[in-house]
Amino acid sequence: ILPLVSSKTSKVPLVSLETALADFNTIVTNTLGTRPKSILWSCLHDIRFLLLRMAHGEALNADCGGGSSSSNFLLVLYQLYSADMFATNAEHDESLEVSRHARGLSAGFLVGVDIVDSTEFHRHDARSKRLERGVADAAPMAALCSILFYNADNGKSSSNAKKTTHDLSGSSQERKTPPPTRQWEVYKSKFLLGLIRCAGHRHSLGLTDSGCVTSRGISTGRKNVEKARSFADWSSSGDEASDSALGVSSLSVRAKSSRSRTTMIEEYSAGLRPMLTLYAMFDQLSK
């Protein structure tokens, strides 16, 4: 199904690879009803959708008639390998901007997170709201691109431990463990913050599943709710100030605040859980 070749040990002829790649592009075109502008981005979105569905715990066999979670997770690894190959091909077969966009997405996302979290950021004008929504929506793909493109040391470090592994062709080889200075490991807290923002945005839109379940599976869950940028305001400082003005003791205020936070987390647990699961999946992929 997926045209794969290893640059080190694969015995697949180049002609067979090109034939398989042409067949793959034909299948994708026939499935979508149109030829995708970029096979790289089509592959990246496939990976993102599959990870989202796994994070939501959806039955993946509703569309294909079979396949366990473990086999579909292995499919993610093959798709990542394909995306890396498509990214290399995009530098030659597609416009250079396509490859630069994919490789620069994670860095742009991190800059966006810093801007949104700045104390000088004004959240009330339309442009700022668009930026907040953009940061939230880009979080899953930015995390994926970070792991795909910036998870290796590129030969800059020789102190990393080596492990004997098997590549996708089945042959054993030694590889270094990912360095502790890789982008995901250094900025994982910001990626987590972005995924939480994404959960809040999806909650405000009333999305209760991955959003990519077909009519053959369970119906997509969407509630009619008022649109907002994110979760309800989690800060209880306003309530505490009003209670203090009424002469309520600080102890009772803290107790009320604690109960409020607990209720808030329980209320939004259904929206938070998939993105936290997705974060854990990304963290495992980075290793």
C-alpha atoms as a PDB file:
ATOM      1  CA  ILE A   1       0.000   0.000   0.000  1.00  0.00           C
ATOM      2  CA  LEU A   2       2.749   2.440   0.987  1.00  0.00           C
ATOM      3  CA  PRO A   3       5.871   2.684  -1.222  1.00  0.00           C
ATOM      4  CA  LEU A   4       8.799   2.306   1.178  1.00  0.00           C
ATOM      5  CA  VAL A   5      12.509   1.948   0.619  1.00  0.00           C
ATOM      6  CA  SER A   6      15.500   2.081   2.932  1.00  0.00           C
ATOM      7  CA  SER A   7      18.495   4.112   1.813  1.00  0.00           C
ATOM      8  CA  LYS A   8      20.849   1.656   3.585  1.00  0.00           C
ATOM      9  CA  THR A   9      19.661  -1.917   3.368  1.00  0.00           C
ATOM     10  CA  SER A  10      16.650  -2.090   1.073  1.00  0.00           C
ATOM     11  CA  LYS A  11      16.832  -4.467  -1.872  1.00  0.00           C
ATOM     12  CA  VAL A  12      13.875  -2.853  -3.621  1.00  0.00           C
ATOM     13  CA  PRO A  13      14.835  -1.615  -7.117  1.00  0.00           C
ATOM     14  CA  LEU A  14      14.333   2.077  -7.770  1.00  0.00           C
ATOM     15  CA  VAL A  15      12.042   1.317 -10.721  1.00  0.00           C
ATOM     16  CA  SER A  16       9.736  -0.710  -8.465  1.00  0.00           C
ATOM     17  CA  LEU A  17       9.660   2.135  -5.970  1.00  0.00           C
ATOM     18  CA  GLU A  18       8.696   4.667  -8.643  1.00  0.00           C
ATOM     19  CA  THR A  19       5.974   2.338  -9.922  1.00  0.00           C
ATOM     20  CA  ALA A  20       4.588   1.843  -6.408  1.00  0.00           C
ATOM     21  CA  LEU A  21       4.689   5.589  -5.798  1.00  0.00           C
ATOM     22  CA  ALA A  22       2.773   6.261  -9.016  1.00  0.00           C
ATOM     23  CA  ASP A  23       0.161   3.674  -8.032  1.00  0.00           C
ATOM     24  CA  PHE A  24      -0.102   5.234  -4.571  1.00  0.00           C
ATOM     25  CA  ASN A  25      -0.664   8.701  -6.042  1.00  0.00           C
ATOM     26  CA  THR A  26      -3.330   7.272  -8.369  1.00  0.00           C
ATOM     27  CA  ILE A  27      -5.186   5.632  -5.468  1.00  0.00           C
ATOM     28  CA  VAL A  28      -5.070   8.854  -3.435  1.00  0.00           C
ATOM     29  CA  THR A  29      -6.363  10.861  -6.421  1.00  0.00           C
ATOM     30  CA  ASN A  30      -9.218   8.424  -7.052  1.00  0.00           C
ATOM     31  CA  THR A  31     -10.152   8.373  -3.359  1.00  0.00           C
ATOM     32  CA  LEU A  32     -10.208  12.149  -3.000  1.00  0.00           C
ATOM     33  CA  GLY A  33     -11.746  12.791  -6.415  1.00  0.00           C
ATOM     34  CA  THR A  34      -8.960  15.250  -7.219  1.00  0.00           C
ATOM     35  CA  ARG A  35      -5.205  15.237  -7.332  1.00  0.00           C
ATOM     36  CA  PRO A  36      -3.767  16.657  -4.085  1.00  0.00           C
ATOM     37  CA  LYS A  37      -1.625  19.740  -4.488  1.00  0.00           C
ATOM     38  CA  SER A  38       1.020  18.194  -2.252  1.00  0.00           C
ATOM     39  CA  ILE A  39       1.442  14.506  -1.549  1.00  0.00           C
ATOM     40  CA  LEU A  40       3.565  15.460   1.482  1.00  0.00           C
ATOM     41  CA  TRP A  41       0.758  17.394   3.180  1.00  0.00           C
ATOM     42  CA  SER A  42      -1.763  14.682   2.281  1.00  0.00           C
ATOM     43  CA  CYS A  43       0.428  12.143   4.083  1.00  0.00           C
ATOM     44  CA  LEU A  44       0.933  14.438   7.103  1.00  0.00           C
ATOM     45  CA  HIS A  45      -2.819  15.029   7.421  1.00  0.00           C
ATOM     46  CA  ASP A  46      -3.438  11.271   7.190  1.00  0.00           C
ATOM     47  CA  ILE A  47      -1.074  10.747  10.141  1.00  0.00           C
ATOM     48  CA  ARG A  48      -2.696  13.561  12.119  1.00  0.00           C
ATOM     49  CA  PHE A  49      -6.205  12.197  11.532  1.00  0.00           C
ATOM     50  CA  LEU A  50      -5.164   8.667  12.473  1.00  0.00           C
ATOM     51  CA  LEU A  51      -3.519   9.854  15.704  1.00  0.00           C
ATOM     52  CA  LEU A  52      -6.562  11.961  16.564  1.00  0.00           C
ATOM     53  CA  ARG A  53      -8.872   9.004  16.103  1.00  0.00           C
ATOM     54  CA  MET A  54      -6.631   6.812  18.257  1.00  0.00           C
ATOM     55  CA  ALA A  55      -6.488   9.529  20.934  1.00  0.00           C
ATOM     56  CA  HIS A  56     -10.301   9.677  20.992  1.00  0.00           C
ATOM     57  CA  GLY A  57     -10.484   5.882  21.294  1.00  0.00           C
ATOM     58  CA  GLU A  58     -12.599   5.519  18.149  1.00  0.00           C
ATOM     59  CA  ALA A  59     -13.158   2.179  16.450  1.00  0.00           C
ATOM     60  CA  LEU A  60     -10.790   2.278  13.482  1.00  0.00           C
ATOM     61  CA  ASN A  61     -12.309  -0.822  11.903  1.00  0.00           C
ATOM     62  CA  ALA A  62     -15.525   1.111  11.188  1.00  0.00           C
ATOM     63  CA  ASP A  63     -14.022   2.282   7.890  1.00  0.00           C
ATOM     64  CA  CYS A  64     -11.688  -0.503   6.811  1.00  0.00           C
ATOM     65  CA  GLY A  65     -13.358  -3.553   8.329  1.00  0.00           C
ATOM     66  CA  GLY A  66     -10.428  -4.571  10.524  1.00  0.00           C
ATOM     67  CA  GLY A  67      -7.195  -3.567  12.169  1.00  0.00           C
ATOM     68  CA  SER A  68      -6.277  -3.425  15.843  1.00  0.00           C
ATOM     69  CA  SER A  69      -4.840  -0.433  17.654  1.00  0.00           C
ATOM     70  CA  SER A  70      -1.356  -1.992  17.642  1.00  0.00           C
ATOM     71  CA  SER A  71      -1.381  -2.595  13.887  1.00  0.00           C
ATOM     72  CA  ASN A  72      -2.633   0.926  13.248  1.00  0.00           C
ATOM     73  CA  PHE A  73       0.110   2.346  15.450  1.00  0.00           C
ATOM     74  CA  LEU A  74       2.622   0.449  13.324  1.00  0.00           C
ATOM     75  CA  LEU A  75       0.939   2.035  10.304  1.00  0.00           C
ATOM     76  CA  VAL A  76       1.779   5.430  11.832  1.00  0.00           C
ATOM     77  CA  LEU A  77       5.476   4.494  11.790  1.00  0.00           C
ATOM     78  CA  TYR A  78       5.281   3.510   8.134  1.00  0.00           C
ATOM     79  CA  GLN A  79       3.448   6.711   7.300  1.00  0.00           C
ATOM     80  CA  LEU A  80       6.091   8.766   9.099  1.00  0.00           C
ATOM     81  CA  TYR A  81       8.716   7.026   7.011  1.00  0.00           C
ATOM     82  CA  SER A  82       6.717   7.837   3.883  1.00  0.00           C
ATOM     83  CA  ALA A  83       6.299  11.474   4.944  1.00  0.00           C
ATOM     84  CA  ASP A  84      10.059  11.791   5.389  1.00  0.00           C
ATOM     85  CA  MET A  85      10.554  10.421   1.879  1.00  0.00           C
ATOM     86  CA  PHE A  86       7.887  12.738   0.456  1.00  0.00           C
ATOM     87  CA  ALA A  87       9.545  15.704   2.192  1.00  0.00           C
ATOM     88  CA  THR A  88      12.814  14.877   0.436  1.00  0.00           C
ATOM     89  CA  ASN A  89      11.021  14.510  -2.886  1.00  0.00           C
ATOM     90  CA  ALA A  90       9.152  17.780  -2.342  1.00  0.00           C
ATOM     91  CA  GLU A  91      12.457  19.649  -2.464  1.00  0.00           C
ATOM     92  CA  HIS A  92      12.874  18.458  -6.059  1.00  0.00           C
ATOM     93  CA  ASP A  93       9.458  17.466  -7.452  1.00  0.00           C
ATOM     94  CA  GLU A  94       7.305  20.145  -5.794  1.00  0.00           C
ATOM     95  CA  SER A  95       7.893  23.788  -5.016  1.00  0.00           C
ATOM     96  CA  LEU A  96      10.588  24.454  -2.437  1.00  0.00           C
ATOM     97  CA  GLU A  97       8.047  26.346  -0.312  1.00  0.00           C
ATOM     98  CA  VAL A  98       6.165  23.101   0.379  1.00  0.00           C
ATOM     99  CA  SER A  99       9.161  21.515   2.099  1.00  0.00           C
ATOM    100  CA  ARG A 100      10.106  24.751   3.867  1.00  0.00           C
ATOM    101  CA  HIS A 101       6.550  25.153   5.151  1.00  0.00           C
ATOM    102  CA  ALA A 102       6.508  21.667   6.649  1.00  0.00           C
ATOM    103  CA  ARG A 103       9.976  21.974   8.165  1.00  0.00           C
ATOM    104  CA  GLY A 104       9.330  25.434   9.584  1.00  0.00           C
ATOM    105  CA  LEU A 105       5.864  24.798  11.018  1.00  0.00           C
ATOM    106  CA  SER A 106       7.016  23.732  14.482  1.00  0.00           C
ATOM    107  CA  ALA A 107       9.318  26.758  14.868  1.00  0.00           C
ATOM    108  CA  GLY A 108       6.538  29.093  13.759  1.00  0.00           C
ATOM    109  CA  PHE A 109       4.185  27.457  16.248  1.00  0.00           C
ATOM    110  CA  LEU A 110       6.639  27.964  19.117  1.00  0.00           C
ATOM    111  CA  VAL A 111       6.989  31.634  18.198  1.00  0.00           C
ATOM    112  CA  GLY A 112       3.190  31.919  18.132  1.00  0.00           C
ATOM    113  CA  VAL A 113       2.920  30.381  21.608  1.00  0.00           C
ATOM    114  CA  ASP A 114       5.443  32.894  22.953  1.00  0.00           C
ATOM    115  CA  ILE A 115       3.476  35.771  21.417  1.00  0.00           C
ATOM    116  CA  VAL A 116       0.115  34.583  22.749  1.00  0.00           C
ATOM    117  CA  ASP A 117       1.514  34.013  26.257  1.00  0.00           C
ATOM    118  CA  SER A 118       3.221  37.390  26.388  1.00  0.00           C
ATOM    119  CA  THR A 119       1.943  39.824  29.014  1.00  0.00           C
ATOM    120  CA  GLU A 120       1.812  42.517  26.333  1.00  0.00           C
ATOM    121  CA  PHE A 121      -0.458  40.456  24.067  1.00  0.00           C
ATOM    122  CA  HIS A 122      -3.862  42.109  23.508  1.00  0.00           C
ATOM    123  CA  ARG A 123      -6.544  39.433  23.253  1.00  0.00           C
ATOM    124  CA  HIS A 124      -9.571  41.486  22.345  1.00  0.00           C
ATOM    125  CA  ASP A 125      -9.023  42.595  18.742  1.00  0.00           C
ATOM    126  CA  ALA A 126      -9.917  40.398  15.767  1.00  0.00           C
ATOM    127  CA  ARG A 127      -6.328  39.869  14.649  1.00  0.00           C
ATOM    128  CA  SER A 128      -5.279  38.594  18.078  1.00  0.00           C
ATOM    129  CA  LYS A 129      -8.227  36.190  18.200  1.00  0.00           C
ATOM    130  CA  ARG A 130      -7.239  34.790  14.797  1.00  0.00           C
ATOM    131  CA  LEU A 131      -3.702  34.263  16.070  1.00  0.00           C
ATOM    132  CA  GLU A 132      -4.970  32.425  19.162  1.00  0.00           C
ATOM    133  CA  ARG A 133      -7.159  30.167  17.030  1.00  0.00           C
ATOM    134  CA  GLY A 134      -4.263  29.569  14.648  1.00  0.00           C
ATOM    135  CA  VAL A 135      -1.933  28.528  17.455  1.00  0.00           C
ATOM    136  CA  ALA A 136      -4.576  26.178  18.862  1.00  0.00           C
ATOM    137  CA  ASP A 137      -5.392  24.570  15.518  1.00  0.00           C
ATOM    138  CA  ALA A 138      -1.739  24.172  14.517  1.00  0.00           C
ATOM    139  CA  ALA A 139      -0.660  22.384  17.706  1.00  0.00           C
ATOM    140  CA  PRO A 140      -1.145  18.725  16.594  1.00  0.00           C
ATOM    141  CA  MET A 141       0.518  19.221  13.206  1.00  0.00           C
ATOM    142  CA  ALA A 142       3.348  21.294  14.699  1.00  0.00           C
ATOM    143  CA  ALA A 143       4.098  18.551  17.223  1.00  0.00           C
ATOM    144  CA  LEU A 144       4.051  15.970  14.441  1.00  0.00           C
ATOM    145  CA  CYS A 145       6.427  17.991  12.227  1.00  0.00           C
ATOM    146  CA  SER A 146       8.769  18.611  15.162  1.00  0.00           C
ATOM    147  CA  ILE A 147       9.144  14.891  15.778  1.00  0.00           C
ATOM    148  CA  LEU A 148       9.422  14.086  12.070  1.00  0.00           C
ATOM    149  CA  PHE A 149      12.039  16.678  11.109  1.00  0.00           C
ATOM    150  CA  TYR A 150      13.886  17.641  14.312  1.00  0.00           C
ATOM    151  CA  ASN A 151      14.117  14.490  16.381  1.00  0.00           C
ATOM    152  CA  ALA A 152      17.686  13.552  15.375  1.00  0.00           C
ATOM    153  CA  ASP A 153      20.992  15.118  16.218  1.00  0.00           C
ATOM    154  CA  ASN A 154      22.163  15.063  12.583  1.00  0.00           C
ATOM    155  CA  GLY A 155      25.522  13.728  13.677  1.00  0.00           C
ATOM    156  CA  LYS A 156      26.321  16.669  15.953  1.00  0.00           C
ATOM    157  CA  SER A 157      26.630  14.574  19.105  1.00  0.00           C
ATOM    158  CA  SER A 158      28.594  11.371  19.642  1.00  0.00           C
ATOM    159  CA  SER A 159      27.746  10.791  23.302  1.00  0.00           C
ATOM    160  CA  ASN A 160      24.294   9.315  22.786  1.00  0.00           C
ATOM    161  CA  ALA A 161      23.774   5.656  23.643  1.00  0.00           C
ATOM    162  CA  LYS A 162      23.328   3.226  20.775  1.00  0.00           C
ATOM    163  CA  LYS A 163      20.517   0.719  20.444  1.00  0.00           C
ATOM    164  CA  THR A 164      20.113  -2.228  18.128  1.00  0.00           C
ATOM    165  CA  THR A 165      16.834  -1.774  16.276  1.00  0.00           C
ATOM    166  CA  HIS A 166      15.105  -2.931  13.124  1.00  0.00           C
ATOM    167  CA  ASP A 167      14.254  -0.597  10.292  1.00  0.00           C
ATOM    168  CA  LEU A 168      11.105  -0.882   8.220  1.00  0.00           C
ATOM    169  CA  SER A 169      12.722  -3.361   5.860  1.00  0.00           C
ATOM    170  CA  GLY A 170      13.230  -5.779   8.761  1.00  0.00           C
ATOM    171  CA  SER A 171      17.031  -5.669   8.938  1.00  0.00           C
ATOM    172  CA  SER A 172      18.810  -4.947  12.202  1.00  0.00           C
ATOM    173  CA  GLN A 173      20.947  -1.859  12.611  1.00  0.00           C
ATOM    174  CA  GLU A 174      22.390   0.329  15.339  1.00  0.00           C
ATOM    175  CA  ARG A 175      21.007   3.792  15.954  1.00  0.00           C
ATOM    176  CA  LYS A 176      21.574   6.508  18.486  1.00  0.00           C
ATOM    177  CA  THR A 177      18.882   7.397  20.966  1.00  0.00           C
ATOM    178  CA  PRO A 178      17.339  10.814  20.302  1.00  0.00           C
ATOM    179  CA  PRO A 179      19.405  13.572  21.937  1.00  0.00           C
ATOM    180  CA  PRO A 180      18.038  15.420  24.980  1.00  0.00           C
ATOM    181  CA  THR A 181      18.421  18.711  23.084  1.00  0.00           C
ATOM    182  CA  ARG A 182      15.969  17.808  20.343  1.00  0.00           C
ATOM    183  CA  GLN A 183      13.194  20.319  19.729  1.00  0.00           C
ATOM    184  CA  TRP A 184      10.383  18.217  21.169  1.00  0.00           C
ATOM    185  CA  GLU A 185      12.239  17.450  24.398  1.00  0.00           C
ATOM    186  CA  VAL A 186      13.252  21.066  24.977  1.00  0.00           C
ATOM    187  CA  TYR A 187       9.850  22.619  24.187  1.00  0.00           C
ATOM    188  CA  LYS A 188       7.463  19.790  25.078  1.00  0.00           C
ATOM    189  CA  SER A 189       5.745  21.967  27.705  1.00  0.00           C
ATOM    190  CA  LYS A 190       4.862  24.505  25.003  1.00  0.00           C
ATOM    191  CA  PHE A 191       3.556  21.790  22.712  1.00  0.00           C
ATOM    192  CA  LEU A 192       1.441  20.519  25.618  1.00  0.00           C
ATOM    193  CA  LEU A 193       0.116  24.033  26.185  1.00  0.00           C
ATOM    194  CA  GLY A 194      -0.778  24.259  22.506  1.00  0.00           C
ATOM    195  CA  LEU A 195      -2.606  20.937  22.600  1.00  0.00           C
ATOM    196  CA  ILE A 196      -4.587  22.105  25.643  1.00  0.00           C
ATOM    197  CA  ARG A 197      -5.506  25.254  23.724  1.00  0.00           C
ATOM    198  CA  CYS A 198      -6.566  23.016  20.839  1.00  0.00           C
ATOM    199  CA  ALA A 199      -8.763  21.017  23.224  1.00  0.00           C
ATOM    200  CA  GLY A 200     -10.347  24.249  24.419  1.00  0.00           C
ATOM    201  CA  HIS A 201     -11.030  25.454  20.890  1.00  0.00           C
ATOM    202  CA  ARG A 202     -12.560  22.103  19.904  1.00  0.00           C
ATOM    203  CA  HIS A 203     -14.682  22.171  23.060  1.00  0.00           C
ATOM    204  CA  SER A 204     -15.934  25.668  22.252  1.00  0.00           C
ATOM    205  CA  LEU A 205     -16.966  24.416  18.798  1.00  0.00           C
ATOM    206  CA  GLY A 206     -18.899  21.523  20.327  1.00  0.00           C
ATOM    207  CA  LEU A 207     -16.680  18.772  18.882  1.00  0.00           C
ATOM    208  CA  THR A 208     -16.883  15.599  20.926  1.00  0.00           C
ATOM    209  CA  ASP A 209     -14.899  13.269  18.653  1.00  0.00           C
ATOM    210  CA  SER A 210     -11.990  13.444  16.228  1.00  0.00           C
ATOM    211  CA  GLY A 211     -14.126  15.147  13.592  1.00  0.00           C
ATOM    212  CA  CYS A 212     -13.103  12.680  10.880  1.00  0.00           C
ATOM    213  CA  VAL A 213     -15.503   9.793  11.490  1.00  0.00           C
ATOM    214  CA  THR A 214     -17.261   8.802   8.275  1.00  0.00           C
ATOM    215  CA  SER A 215     -20.921   7.961   7.846  1.00  0.00           C
ATOM    216  CA  ARG A 216     -20.023   4.276   7.944  1.00  0.00           C
ATOM    217  CA  GLY A 217     -18.868   4.647  11.532  1.00  0.00           C
ATOM    218  CA  ILE A 218     -20.510   6.346  14.450  1.00  0.00           C
ATOM    219  CA  SER A 219     -22.054   9.712  13.791  1.00  0.00           C
ATOM    220  CA  THR A 220     -19.918  12.715  14.511  1.00  0.00           C
ATOM    221  CA  GLY A 221     -20.648  14.303  17.857  1.00  0.00           C
ATOM    222  CA  ARG A 222     -21.219  18.031  17.773  1.00  0.00           C
ATOM    223  CA  LYS A 223     -23.258  19.945  20.266  1.00  0.00           C
ATOM    224  CA  ASN A 224     -24.902  23.286  19.667  1.00  0.00           C
ATOM    225  CA  VAL A 225     -22.892  25.555  21.915  1.00  0.00           C
ATOM    226  CA  GLU A 226     -21.961  29.176  21.808  1.00  0.00           C
ATOM    227  CA  LYS A 227     -18.632  29.647  20.069  1.00  0.00           C
ATOM    228  CA  ALA A 228     -15.735  30.920  22.149  1.00  0.00           C
ATOM    229  CA  ARG A 229     -11.953  31.066  21.906  1.00  0.00           C
ATOM    230  CA  SER A 230     -11.245  28.412  24.504  1.00  0.00           C
ATOM    231  CA  PHE A 231     -12.482  26.891  27.761  1.00  0.00           C
ATOM    232  CA  ALA A 232     -14.384  29.033  30.229  1.00  0.00           C
ATOM    233  CA  ASP A 233     -12.222  31.337  32.316  1.00  0.00           C
ATOM    234  CA  TRP A 234     -10.412  29.079  34.800  1.00  0.00           C
ATOM    235  CA  SER A 235      -9.342  31.995  36.986  1.00  0.00           C
ATOM    236  CA  SER A 236     -11.316  32.422  40.191  1.00  0.00           C
ATOM    237  CA  SER A 237      -9.590  35.627  41.303  1.00  0.00           C
ATOM    238  CA  GLY A 238     -12.720  37.653  40.633  1.00  0.00           C
ATOM    239  CA  ASP A 239     -14.835  35.412  42.854  1.00  0.00           C
ATOM    240  CA  GLU A 240     -12.211  35.522  45.602  1.00  0.00           C
ATOM    241  CA  ALA A 241     -12.090  39.311  45.513  1.00  0.00           C
ATOM    242  CA  SER A 242     -15.865  39.604  45.830  1.00  0.00           C
ATOM    243  CA  ASP A 243     -15.944  37.123  48.710  1.00  0.00           C
ATOM    244  CA  SER A 244     -13.226  39.044  50.543  1.00  0.00           C
ATOM    245  CA  ALA A 245     -15.187  42.255  50.108  1.00  0.00           C
ATOM    246  CA  LEU A 246     -18.138  40.564  51.795  1.00  0.00           C
ATOM    247  CA  GLY A 247     -15.996  39.583  54.775  1.00  0.00           C
ATOM    248  CA  VAL A 248     -15.660  35.879  53.970  1.00  0.00           C
ATOM    249  CA  SER A 249     -12.582  34.315  55.563  1.00  0.00           C
ATOM    250  CA  SER A 250      -9.586  33.499  53.368  1.00  0.00           C
ATOM    251  CA  LEU A 251      -9.789  29.843  54.450  1.00  0.00           C
ATOM    252  CA  SER A 252     -13.323  29.440  53.133  1.00  0.00           C
ATOM    253  CA  VAL A 253     -12.351  31.302  49.962  1.00  0.00           C
ATOM    254  CA  ARG A 254      -9.501  28.872  49.336  1.00  0.00           C
ATOM    255  CA  ALA A 255     -11.776  25.903  50.007  1.00  0.00           C
ATOM    256  CA  LYS A 256     -14.361  27.251  47.576  1.00  0.00           C
ATOM    257  CA  SER A 257     -11.650  27.920  44.999  1.00  0.00           C
ATOM    258  CA  SER A 258     -10.351  24.362  45.339  1.00  0.00           C
ATOM    259  CA  ARG A 259     -13.829  22.886  44.895  1.00  0.00           C
ATOM    260  CA  SER A 260     -14.385  25.138  41.879  1.00  0.00           C
ATOM    261  CA  ARG A 261     -11.180  24.005  40.208  1.00  0.00           C
ATOM    262  CA  THR A 262     -12.004  20.349  40.832  1.00  0.00           C
ATOM    263  CA  THR A 263     -15.472  20.788  39.360  1.00  0.00           C
ATOM    264  CA  MET A 264     -14.009  22.653  36.389  1.00  0.00           C
ATOM    265  CA  ILE A 265     -11.504  19.896  35.585  1.00  0.00           C
ATOM    266  CA  GLU A 266     -14.150  17.193  35.882  1.00  0.00           C
ATOM    267  CA  GLU A 267     -16.465  19.188  33.629  1.00  0.00           C
ATOM    268  CA  TYR A 268     -13.875  19.505  30.885  1.00  0.00           C
ATOM    269  CA  SER A 269     -12.215  16.100  31.320  1.00  0.00           C
ATOM    270  CA  ALA A 270     -13.912  14.708  28.209  1.00  0.00           C
ATOM    271  CA  GLY A 271     -12.411  17.494  26.117  1.00  0.00           C
ATOM    272  CA  LEU A 272      -8.982  17.415  27.727  1.00  0.00           C
ATOM    273  CA  ARG A 273      -8.438  13.641  27.801  1.00  0.00           C
ATOM    274  CA  PRO A 274      -7.964  13.090  24.024  1.00  0.00           C
ATOM    275  CA  MET A 275      -5.378  15.863  23.697  1.00  0.00           C
ATOM    276  CA  LEU A 276      -3.483  14.661  26.760  1.00  0.00           C
ATOM    277  CA  THR A 277      -3.521  11.171  25.236  1.00  0.00           C
ATOM    278  CA  LEU A 278      -2.273  12.635  21.956  1.00  0.00           C
ATOM    279  CA  TYR A 279       0.548  14.373  23.836  1.00  0.00           C
ATOM    280  CA  ALA A 280       1.556  11.048  25.420  1.00  0.00           C
ATOM    281  CA  MET A 281       1.537   9.405  21.985  1.00  0.00           C
ATOM    282  CA  PHE A 282       3.756  12.146  20.543  1.00  0.00           C
ATOM    283  CA  ASP A 283       6.137  11.793  23.482  1.00  0.00           C
ATOM    284  CA  GLN A 284       6.476   8.062  22.849  1.00  0.00           C
ATOM    285  CA  LEU A 285       7.002   8.611  19.118  1.00  0.00           C
ATOM    286  CA  SER A 286       9.830  11.022  19.890  1.00  0.00           C
ATOM    287  CA  LYS A 287      11.737   8.258  21.694  1.00  0.00           C
END
